[in-house]
Protein backbone atom coordinates (compact mmCIF):
# COMPACT_ATOMS: atom_id res chain seq x y z
CA UNK A 1 -10.63 8.12 -8.76
CA UNK A 2 -8.11 10.50 -7.24
CA UNK A 3 -5.01 11.94 -8.81
CA UNK A 4 -1.82 10.00 -9.40
CA UNK A 5 1.37 10.95 -7.59
CA UNK A 6 4.45 12.43 -9.28
CA UNK A 7 7.67 12.59 -7.24
CA UNK A 8 10.08 15.30 -8.39
CA UNK A 9 13.83 15.47 -7.76
CA UNK A 10 16.53 17.77 -9.05
CA UNK A 11 16.65 21.15 -10.74
CA UNK A 12 16.28 22.32 -14.29
CA UNK A 13 13.90 21.52 -17.15
CA UNK A 14 11.38 18.81 -16.31
CA UNK A 15 11.77 15.25 -17.58
CA UNK A 16 8.54 13.31 -17.01
CA UNK A 17 9.32 9.61 -16.45
CA UNK A 18 6.50 7.12 -17.14
CA UNK A 19 7.23 3.57 -15.98
CA UNK A 20 5.75 0.33 -17.28
CA UNK A 21 5.09 -2.90 -15.40
CA UNK A 22 7.91 -2.37 -12.92
CA UNK A 23 7.81 0.55 -10.51
CA UNK A 24 9.68 3.84 -10.91
CA UNK A 25 12.60 2.87 -8.66
CA UNK A 26 13.39 -0.25 -10.70
CA UNK A 27 12.70 1.31 -14.08
CA UNK A 28 14.67 4.55 -13.73
CA UNK A 29 17.70 3.42 -11.78
CA UNK A 30 20.73 4.76 -13.59
CA UNK A 31 19.27 8.20 -14.31
CA UNK A 32 20.04 9.67 -10.87
CA UNK A 33 23.05 11.73 -12.08
CA UNK A 34 20.73 13.70 -14.39
CA UNK A 35 19.02 15.25 -11.34
CA UNK A 36 21.96 17.67 -11.08
CA UNK A 37 20.80 19.38 -14.27
CA UNK A 38 17.20 18.25 -14.81
CA UNK A 39 14.05 17.86 -12.73
CA UNK A 40 13.25 14.15 -12.80
CA UNK A 41 9.48 13.82 -12.38
CA UNK A 42 8.76 10.15 -11.64
CA UNK A 43 5.14 9.25 -12.39
CA UNK A 44 3.58 6.53 -10.24
CA UNK A 45 0.88 4.93 -12.36
CA UNK A 46 -2.33 3.72 -10.72
CA UNK A 47 -1.66 0.64 -8.62
CA UNK A 48 1.85 1.79 -7.71
CA UNK A 49 2.01 3.42 -4.30
CA UNK A 50 1.55 6.16 -3.30
CA UNK A 51 -0.84 6.58 -6.25
CA UNK A 52 -4.36 5.17 -5.81
CA UNK A 53 -5.29 1.75 -7.25
CA UNK A 54 -7.07 1.46 -10.61
CA UNK A 55 -10.78 0.74 -10.60
CA UNK A 56 -10.51 -2.44 -12.65
CA UNK A 57 -6.96 -3.36 -13.56
CA UNK A 58 -4.13 -1.62 -15.37
CA UNK A 59 -5.40 0.37 -18.34
CA UNK A 60 -3.32 2.43 -20.75
CA UNK A 61 -6.36 4.54 -21.67
CA UNK A 62 -6.87 5.55 -18.02
CA UNK A 63 -3.14 6.22 -17.76
CA UNK A 64 -3.33 8.49 -20.81
CA UNK A 65 -6.02 10.58 -19.14
CA UNK A 66 -3.84 10.80 -16.02
CA UNK A 67 -0.86 11.97 -18.07
CA UNK A 68 -2.68 14.62 -20.06
CA UNK A 69 -2.58 17.40 -17.42
CA UNK A 70 1.07 16.60 -16.65
CA UNK A 71 2.02 17.75 -20.14
CA UNK A 72 0.83 21.30 -19.50
CA UNK A 73 4.32 22.49 -18.53
CA UNK A 74 5.77 21.19 -21.83
CA UNK A 75 8.17 18.64 -20.33
CA UNK A 76 10.47 16.21 -22.00
CA UNK A 77 8.81 12.78 -21.67
CA UNK A 78 10.53 9.41 -21.26
CA UNK A 79 8.39 6.25 -21.19
CA UNK A 80 9.11 2.56 -20.73
CA UNK A 81 7.34 -0.63 -21.83
CA UNK A 82 3.58 -0.65 -21.00
CA UNK A 83 3.89 3.02 -20.01
CA UNK A 84 4.70 3.91 -23.61
CA UNK A 85 1.16 3.05 -24.71
CA UNK A 86 -0.47 5.71 -22.53
CA UNK A 87 2.29 8.17 -23.32
CA UNK A 88 1.80 7.86 -27.07
CA UNK A 89 -1.96 8.33 -26.65
CA UNK A 90 -1.48 11.43 -24.50
CA UNK A 91 1.17 12.96 -26.74
CA UNK A 92 -0.84 12.28 -29.90
CA UNK A 93 -3.75 14.20 -28.35
CA UNK A 94 -1.55 17.22 -27.58
CA UNK A 95 1.76 16.93 -29.46
CA UNK A 96 2.58 20.60 -28.94
CA UNK A 97 2.70 20.05 -25.18
CA UNK A 98 6.01 18.14 -25.13
CA UNK A 99 9.56 19.23 -25.87
CA UNK A 100 10.69 15.72 -26.78
CA UNK A 101 9.68 12.10 -26.43
CA UNK A 102 11.86 9.09 -25.61
CA UNK A 103 10.31 5.62 -25.75
CA UNK A 104 11.91 2.40 -24.51
CA UNK A 105 10.91 -1.12 -25.64
CA UNK A 106 7.15 -0.64 -26.10
CA UNK A 107 4.77 -3.58 -26.73
CA UNK A 108 3.59 -2.53 -30.19
CA UNK A 109 3.63 -5.80 -32.11
CA UNK A 110 1.22 -4.56 -34.78
CA UNK A 111 4.04 -2.47 -36.24
CA UNK A 112 5.84 -5.64 -37.40
CA UNK A 113 3.17 -7.90 -38.90
CA UNK A 114 4.18 -11.44 -39.78
CA UNK A 115 7.36 -11.50 -37.69
CA UNK A 116 7.41 -14.75 -35.66
CA UNK A 117 9.56 -13.41 -32.80
CA UNK A 118 7.37 -10.33 -32.37
CA UNK A 119 4.19 -12.40 -32.62
CA UNK A 120 5.41 -14.81 -29.94
CA UNK A 121 6.34 -12.05 -27.50
CA UNK A 122 2.94 -10.47 -28.08
CA UNK A 123 1.19 -13.80 -27.54
CA UNK A 124 2.95 -14.76 -24.33
CA UNK A 125 2.54 -11.23 -22.97
CA UNK A 126 -1.20 -11.39 -23.60
CA UNK A 127 -1.36 -14.80 -21.90
CA UNK A 128 0.34 -13.52 -18.75
CA UNK A 129 -1.83 -10.41 -18.57
CA UNK A 130 -4.97 -12.49 -19.14
CA UNK A 131 -4.28 -15.40 -16.78
CA UNK A 132 -1.74 -14.01 -14.33
CA UNK A 133 -0.27 -16.68 -12.06
CA UNK A 134 -2.51 -19.26 -13.77
CA UNK A 135 -0.65 -18.84 -17.07
CA UNK A 136 1.38 -21.79 -18.31
CA UNK A 137 4.44 -21.87 -15.98
CA UNK A 138 6.96 -22.10 -18.84
CA UNK A 139 5.30 -19.23 -20.69
CA UNK A 140 5.17 -17.16 -17.50
CA UNK A 141 8.89 -17.61 -16.82
CA UNK A 142 9.82 -16.90 -20.43
CA UNK A 143 7.88 -13.66 -20.40
CA UNK A 144 9.23 -12.59 -17.01
CA UNK A 145 12.82 -13.13 -18.11
CA UNK A 146 12.32 -11.01 -21.24
CA UNK A 147 10.60 -8.40 -19.07
CA UNK A 148 13.66 -8.19 -16.84
CA UNK A 149 12.44 -10.04 -13.75
CA UNK A 150 15.03 -11.94 -11.71
CA UNK A 151 13.68 -15.48 -11.94
CA UNK A 152 15.56 -18.74 -11.58
CA UNK A 153 14.37 -22.34 -11.51
CA UNK A 154 12.90 -22.21 -8.00
CA UNK A 155 9.75 -20.52 -6.72
CA UNK A 156 9.14 -17.04 -8.07
CA UNK A 157 10.24 -14.26 -5.71
CA UNK A 158 7.48 -12.59 -3.73
CA UNK A 159 7.98 -9.26 -5.48
CA UNK A 160 7.71 -10.89 -8.91
CA UNK A 161 4.48 -12.66 -7.92
CA UNK A 162 3.07 -9.35 -6.70
CA UNK A 163 3.93 -7.76 -10.04
CA UNK A 164 2.22 -10.54 -12.00
CA UNK A 165 -0.90 -10.19 -9.86
CA UNK A 166 -0.92 -6.41 -10.33
CA UNK A 167 -0.68 -6.83 -14.12
CA UNK A 168 -3.34 -9.56 -14.25
CA UNK A 169 -6.40 -8.31 -16.12
CA UNK A 170 -4.67 -5.29 -17.67
CA UNK A 171 -5.94 -3.87 -20.95
CA UNK A 172 -3.94 -5.81 -23.54
CA UNK A 173 -1.21 -3.94 -25.44
CA UNK A 174 -2.41 -5.59 -28.64
CA UNK A 175 -5.49 -3.34 -28.43
CA UNK A 176 -3.46 -0.13 -28.56
CA UNK A 177 -3.38 1.86 -31.79
CA UNK A 178 -1.82 5.24 -30.95
CA UNK A 179 -1.92 7.93 -33.66
CA UNK A 180 1.74 7.89 -34.54
CA UNK A 181 0.96 9.93 -37.65
CA UNK A 182 -0.16 12.87 -35.52
CA UNK A 183 3.04 12.81 -33.47
CA UNK A 184 5.20 12.73 -36.58
CA UNK A 185 3.19 15.40 -38.36
CA UNK A 186 3.62 17.72 -35.38
CA UNK A 187 7.40 17.36 -35.58
CA UNK A 188 7.85 16.01 -32.06
CA UNK A 189 11.51 15.02 -31.60
CA UNK A 190 11.58 11.32 -30.73
CA UNK A 191 14.28 8.91 -29.55
CA UNK A 192 13.52 5.17 -29.62
CA UNK A 193 15.70 3.03 -27.35
CA UNK A 194 16.15 -0.68 -26.76
CA UNK A 195 18.50 -2.99 -24.90
CA UNK A 196 19.77 -5.41 -27.54
CA UNK A 197 18.56 -8.45 -25.58
CA UNK A 198 15.49 -9.61 -27.53
CA UNK A 199 15.02 -9.68 -31.30
CA UNK A 200 11.35 -8.77 -30.97
CA UNK A 201 12.08 -5.54 -29.10
CA UNK A 202 14.73 -4.56 -31.65
CA UNK A 203 12.38 -5.04 -34.60
CA UNK A 204 9.54 -3.18 -32.94
CA UNK A 205 11.96 -0.38 -32.08
CA UNK A 206 13.17 -0.14 -35.66
CA UNK A 207 9.60 -0.03 -36.98
CA UNK A 208 8.51 2.58 -34.44
CA UNK A 209 11.51 4.77 -35.23
CA UNK A 210 10.65 4.60 -38.91
CA UNK A 211 6.99 5.45 -38.26
CA UNK A 212 7.88 8.46 -36.13
CA UNK A 213 10.93 9.66 -38.04
CA UNK A 214 12.83 9.13 -34.80
CA UNK A 215 16.41 8.80 -33.74
CA UNK A 216 17.32 5.21 -32.75
CA UNK A 217 19.69 3.96 -30.05
CA UNK A 218 20.58 0.53 -28.60
CA UNK A 219 22.20 0.04 -25.18
CA UNK A 220 22.96 -3.54 -24.14
CA UNK A 221 23.86 -4.59 -20.63
CA UNK A 222 20.69 -4.21 -18.56
CA UNK A 223 18.10 -6.21 -20.48
CA UNK A 224 14.64 -4.66 -20.57
CA UNK A 225 15.63 -1.97 -18.04
CA UNK A 226 17.52 0.05 -20.61
CA UNK A 227 17.80 3.15 -18.40
CA UNK A 228 20.33 1.20 -16.31
CA UNK A 229 22.48 0.21 -19.29
CA UNK A 230 25.97 1.66 -19.81
CA UNK A 231 25.85 4.82 -21.87
CA UNK A 232 22.09 5.32 -21.87
CA UNK A 233 21.95 8.22 -19.41
CA UNK A 234 24.53 10.11 -21.44
CA UNK A 235 22.75 9.43 -24.72
CA UNK A 236 19.44 10.54 -23.22
CA UNK A 237 20.93 13.75 -21.86
CA UNK A 238 22.47 14.58 -25.23
CA UNK A 239 19.04 14.15 -26.82
CA UNK A 240 17.36 16.28 -24.15
CA UNK A 241 19.91 19.07 -24.60
CA UNK A 242 19.46 18.96 -28.35
CA UNK A 243 15.76 19.71 -27.93
CA UNK A 244 15.67 22.06 -24.94
CA UNK A 245 15.35 25.27 -26.89
């Protein structure tokens, strides 16, 4: 299928950045100052130029196979949203290959069974991925707003429509069952971050942090794109420094 593209910037220990449904530029805005002390390695998942397209839709299992060789240099890894699914699969398969792991607002609803807010976010996310632009318009807009897209009452912006079409037919997050026990047993240092904008993301974050024995941090101000939130870059760098030995 061809290899994915990783764009590196900066100097110092490598920080592998794995985006979710939005591209690297949107996802990792706010981390640019770290390039003075760290090598920021921005992964472009399949379907995000200049990487090749996927064979049949977005797929966290394919992404995990793409990430596996990128762990060989024992980087720090930071993953966002849908990109967390592949990252957890790859790290669980080789937990000794990473210095640390930071995960931001992953779609792991199974960790909080019976919670109505989490169940609803999971349900509307599955509907959008399954039906794309043919999803119920109200459901589509609700999901896009939680996912950080700039949508008003008028027609959806062209870039947002393109993103929905790219995500259409993706392997559903509700199918993911990463081996969190293997990551915890290996002693991988983990930071779980969220943006304080949606109850479902906060509860999933709390449950994931408990499952992994992770540190937990919340940074409001940028919605789903937590890397842009005030204070996040500093908190991330402190965590990276703590585990750079």
